[in-house]
């Protein structure tokens, strides 16, 4: 059976943390591929910094060197709002013979009880949860709120990601005229410079 990871986000911009997370997950779980799923209408964020055309192109550039990283337009080609349970349901129909893993950070696992239709999500797929060094998360942490969740969670330890880079950090450095070399892939950096994006952006998105 094919095993597919689902990595969603605004990717605004995509950075090395996204690529490391995808690679670690693929290796730890023996995934055949990881789908990068940019959201057009994020339910937890008021807006994205850049238009979807810019974000799609940057993702394509970021993942071009890895044939097992694949861009998915599943949230681009349908009206919002886009909830994770809906996204996974569509991908399950697209890949009926695959085992799906929804990739998330430990912070997402902690907040999972607040997600819309959280039970639908983890009943449709497994949750691959990245645990940074000394992060206090466990599969059974929401046993009283989300029945059956513990059996659907796989913890992947990624101590390297304890030193984290976020899209917010990248954008803040760009605004200050500071280097973001090595924080984003070279091709993404060239695209940002060529199109002069993120120059005047200041917000709290990741």
Protein backbone atom coordinates (compact mmCIF):
# COMPACT_ATOMS: atom_id res chain seq x y z
CA UNK A 1 0.00 0.00 0.00
CA UNK A 2 1.26 3.47 -0.90
CA UNK A 3 1.89 5.81 2.02
CA UNK A 4 1.40 9.53 1.46
CA UNK A 5 2.10 12.47 3.74
CA UNK A 6 0.01 15.64 3.63
CA UNK A 7 1.80 18.85 4.60
CA UNK A 8 -0.49 21.86 4.56
CA UNK A 9 0.21 25.52 5.19
CA UNK A 10 0.32 28.97 3.70
CA UNK A 11 3.98 28.52 2.63
CA UNK A 12 4.28 32.28 2.65
CA UNK A 13 7.16 31.90 1.92
CA UNK A 14 8.25 28.25 1.91
CA UNK A 15 11.48 27.80 3.89
CA UNK A 16 13.98 25.15 4.88
CA UNK A 17 11.91 24.17 7.92
CA UNK A 18 9.13 22.96 5.63
CA UNK A 19 11.59 20.88 3.62
CA UNK A 20 13.29 19.40 6.69
CA UNK A 21 9.93 18.53 8.20
CA UNK A 22 8.82 16.78 5.01
CA UNK A 23 12.10 14.87 4.68
CA UNK A 24 12.16 13.72 8.31
CA UNK A 25 8.55 12.57 8.11
CA UNK A 26 9.11 10.73 4.85
CA UNK A 27 12.11 8.91 6.26
CA UNK A 28 10.60 8.12 9.67
CA UNK A 29 7.33 6.75 8.30
CA UNK A 30 8.56 5.26 5.04
CA UNK A 31 6.36 7.52 2.95
CA UNK A 32 6.31 7.22 -0.81
CA UNK A 33 5.66 10.92 -1.28
CA UNK A 34 4.74 14.11 0.57
CA UNK A 35 2.04 16.40 -0.80
CA UNK A 36 2.63 20.11 -0.21
CA UNK A 37 -0.88 21.56 0.11
CA UNK A 38 -0.98 25.38 0.08
CA UNK A 39 -4.16 26.82 1.50
CA UNK A 40 -6.02 29.56 -0.32
CA UNK A 41 -8.30 30.43 2.60
CA UNK A 42 -6.75 29.55 5.96
CA UNK A 43 -9.42 29.17 8.70
CA UNK A 44 -6.99 30.26 11.44
CA UNK A 45 -5.36 33.22 9.68
CA UNK A 46 -7.03 36.39 8.46
CA UNK A 47 -5.10 36.55 5.20
CA UNK A 48 -1.97 35.48 3.41
CA UNK A 49 0.87 37.87 2.66
CA UNK A 50 1.24 37.04 -1.02
CA UNK A 51 -1.10 36.13 -3.85
CA UNK A 52 -1.51 32.45 -4.52
CA UNK A 53 0.39 32.67 -7.84
CA UNK A 54 3.53 33.77 -5.99
CA UNK A 55 3.13 31.11 -3.31
CA UNK A 56 2.54 28.31 -5.81
CA UNK A 57 5.60 29.27 -7.82
CA UNK A 58 7.80 29.45 -4.72
CA UNK A 59 6.66 25.99 -3.63
CA UNK A 60 7.43 24.59 -7.07
CA UNK A 61 10.91 26.07 -6.87
CA UNK A 62 11.46 24.85 -3.30
CA UNK A 63 10.56 21.21 -3.99
CA UNK A 64 11.89 20.88 -7.54
CA UNK A 65 14.95 18.85 -6.54
CA UNK A 66 12.99 16.11 -4.75
CA UNK A 67 10.82 13.93 -6.96
CA UNK A 68 8.92 12.61 -3.94
CA UNK A 69 7.75 16.10 -2.96
CA UNK A 70 4.60 16.97 -4.91
CA UNK A 71 2.55 20.16 -5.10
CA UNK A 72 -1.18 19.58 -4.61
CA UNK A 73 -3.83 22.09 -5.65
CA UNK A 74 -6.59 20.39 -3.66
CA UNK A 75 -7.33 23.58 -1.69
CA UNK A 76 -6.74 25.88 -4.65
CA UNK A 77 -9.44 24.58 -6.93
CA UNK A 78 -12.44 24.72 -4.60
CA UNK A 79 -14.23 27.44 -2.64
CA UNK A 80 -13.39 28.00 1.03
CA UNK A 81 -13.29 27.98 3.91
CA UNK A 82 -10.88 25.07 3.78
CA UNK A 83 -10.83 22.73 6.77
CA UNK A 84 -8.34 19.91 7.12
CA UNK A 85 -11.04 17.25 7.37
CA UNK A 86 -12.42 18.32 3.97
CA UNK A 87 -8.97 18.37 2.40
CA UNK A 88 -8.17 14.85 3.60
CA UNK A 89 -11.57 13.54 2.46
CA UNK A 90 -10.88 14.77 -1.07
CA UNK A 91 -7.36 13.31 -1.08
CA UNK A 92 -8.71 10.01 0.19
CA UNK A 93 -10.96 9.87 -2.86
CA UNK A 94 -8.02 10.79 -5.10
CA UNK A 95 -5.79 8.10 -3.54
CA UNK A 96 -8.25 5.35 -2.51
CA UNK A 97 -5.56 2.70 -2.07
CA UNK A 98 -3.12 4.84 -0.06
CA UNK A 99 -2.59 5.24 3.66
CA UNK A 100 -2.65 8.97 4.40
CA UNK A 101 -0.65 10.77 7.10
CA UNK A 102 -1.57 14.33 8.01
CA UNK A 103 1.64 16.06 9.08
CA UNK A 104 1.43 18.56 11.94
CA UNK A 105 3.53 20.10 14.67
CA UNK A 106 3.16 19.48 18.37
CA UNK A 107 1.43 22.84 18.78
CA UNK A 108 -1.28 21.66 16.39
CA UNK A 109 -1.80 18.49 18.39
CA UNK A 110 -2.20 20.54 21.56
CA UNK A 111 -4.86 22.72 19.92
CA UNK A 112 -6.61 19.88 18.07
CA UNK A 113 -9.76 19.93 20.25
CA UNK A 114 -10.49 23.43 18.90
CA UNK A 115 -10.30 22.36 15.24
CA UNK A 116 -13.46 22.12 13.17
CA UNK A 117 -14.48 18.43 12.84
CA UNK A 118 -11.28 17.17 14.44
CA UNK A 119 -12.70 13.66 14.86
CA UNK A 120 -13.47 13.43 11.15
CA UNK A 121 -9.86 14.33 10.41
CA UNK A 122 -8.15 11.62 12.45
CA UNK A 123 -10.67 8.99 11.46
CA UNK A 124 -9.87 9.61 7.79
CA UNK A 125 -6.08 9.44 8.19
CA UNK A 126 -3.26 9.04 10.67
CA UNK A 127 -1.70 12.10 12.30
CA UNK A 128 2.07 12.36 12.00
CA UNK A 129 3.04 14.73 14.81
CA UNK A 130 6.49 16.28 14.91
CA UNK A 131 7.88 16.48 18.45
CA UNK A 132 10.73 18.88 19.11
CA UNK A 133 13.25 18.26 21.89
CA UNK A 134 11.60 18.15 25.34
CA UNK A 135 8.18 19.00 23.91
CA UNK A 136 5.45 17.76 26.24
CA UNK A 137 3.05 16.03 23.87
CA UNK A 138 1.75 12.47 23.71
CA UNK A 139 -0.80 10.53 21.63
CA UNK A 140 -3.19 10.21 24.58
CA UNK A 141 -3.12 13.85 25.71
CA UNK A 142 -6.73 14.48 24.60
CA UNK A 143 -8.20 11.12 25.54
CA UNK A 144 -11.11 12.69 27.41
CA UNK A 145 -12.05 15.01 24.56
CA UNK A 146 -11.21 13.09 21.38
CA UNK A 147 -12.02 9.38 21.72
CA UNK A 148 -9.81 7.06 19.68
CA UNK A 149 -7.24 9.75 18.91
CA UNK A 150 -4.31 8.00 20.61
CA UNK A 151 -4.50 5.05 18.23
CA UNK A 152 -4.34 7.40 15.24
CA UNK A 153 -1.27 9.43 16.25
CA UNK A 154 2.32 8.65 15.32
CA UNK A 155 4.95 10.78 17.07
CA UNK A 156 8.08 11.61 15.07
CA UNK A 157 10.94 13.03 17.13
CA UNK A 158 12.72 15.89 15.37
CA UNK A 159 15.12 17.51 17.87
CA UNK A 160 16.78 19.47 15.08
CA UNK A 161 13.61 21.49 14.65
CA UNK A 162 13.92 22.80 18.20
CA UNK A 163 15.90 25.56 16.49
CA UNK A 164 13.05 26.62 14.26
CA UNK A 165 12.64 28.99 11.37
CA UNK A 166 9.26 30.44 10.55
CA UNK A 167 7.90 32.35 7.59
CA UNK A 168 7.39 35.30 9.95
CA UNK A 169 11.10 35.29 10.83
CA UNK A 170 12.05 35.16 7.14
CA UNK A 171 9.77 38.07 6.26
CA UNK A 172 10.97 40.17 9.20
CA UNK A 173 14.58 39.76 8.07
CA UNK A 174 13.67 40.71 4.50
CA UNK A 175 11.94 43.87 5.72
CA UNK A 176 15.02 44.83 7.73
CA UNK A 177 17.29 44.31 4.73
CA UNK A 178 18.93 41.31 6.40
CA UNK A 179 20.04 38.12 4.68
CA UNK A 180 17.71 35.12 4.45
CA UNK A 181 20.25 33.02 2.60
CA UNK A 182 20.12 29.41 3.89
CA UNK A 183 16.72 30.09 5.49
CA UNK A 184 14.99 29.56 2.14
CA UNK A 185 16.14 27.53 -0.87
CA UNK A 186 18.32 29.48 -3.29
CA UNK A 187 15.69 29.36 -6.03
CA UNK A 188 13.07 30.79 -3.66
CA UNK A 189 15.46 33.54 -2.58
CA UNK A 190 16.09 34.47 -6.23
CA UNK A 191 12.34 34.60 -6.86
CA UNK A 192 11.74 36.84 -3.83
CA UNK A 193 14.51 39.19 -4.96
CA UNK A 194 13.40 39.24 -8.58
CA UNK A 195 9.78 40.05 -7.74
CA UNK A 196 10.59 42.23 -4.71
CA UNK A 197 7.99 40.59 -2.52
CA UNK A 198 7.73 40.82 1.29
CA UNK A 199 9.49 44.19 1.26
CA UNK A 200 6.74 46.05 3.12
CA UNK A 201 4.96 43.24 4.97
CA UNK A 202 4.68 43.13 8.75
CA UNK A 203 2.33 40.66 10.44
CA UNK A 204 2.22 37.62 12.70
CA UNK A 205 1.69 34.73 10.29
CA UNK A 206 3.97 31.65 10.30
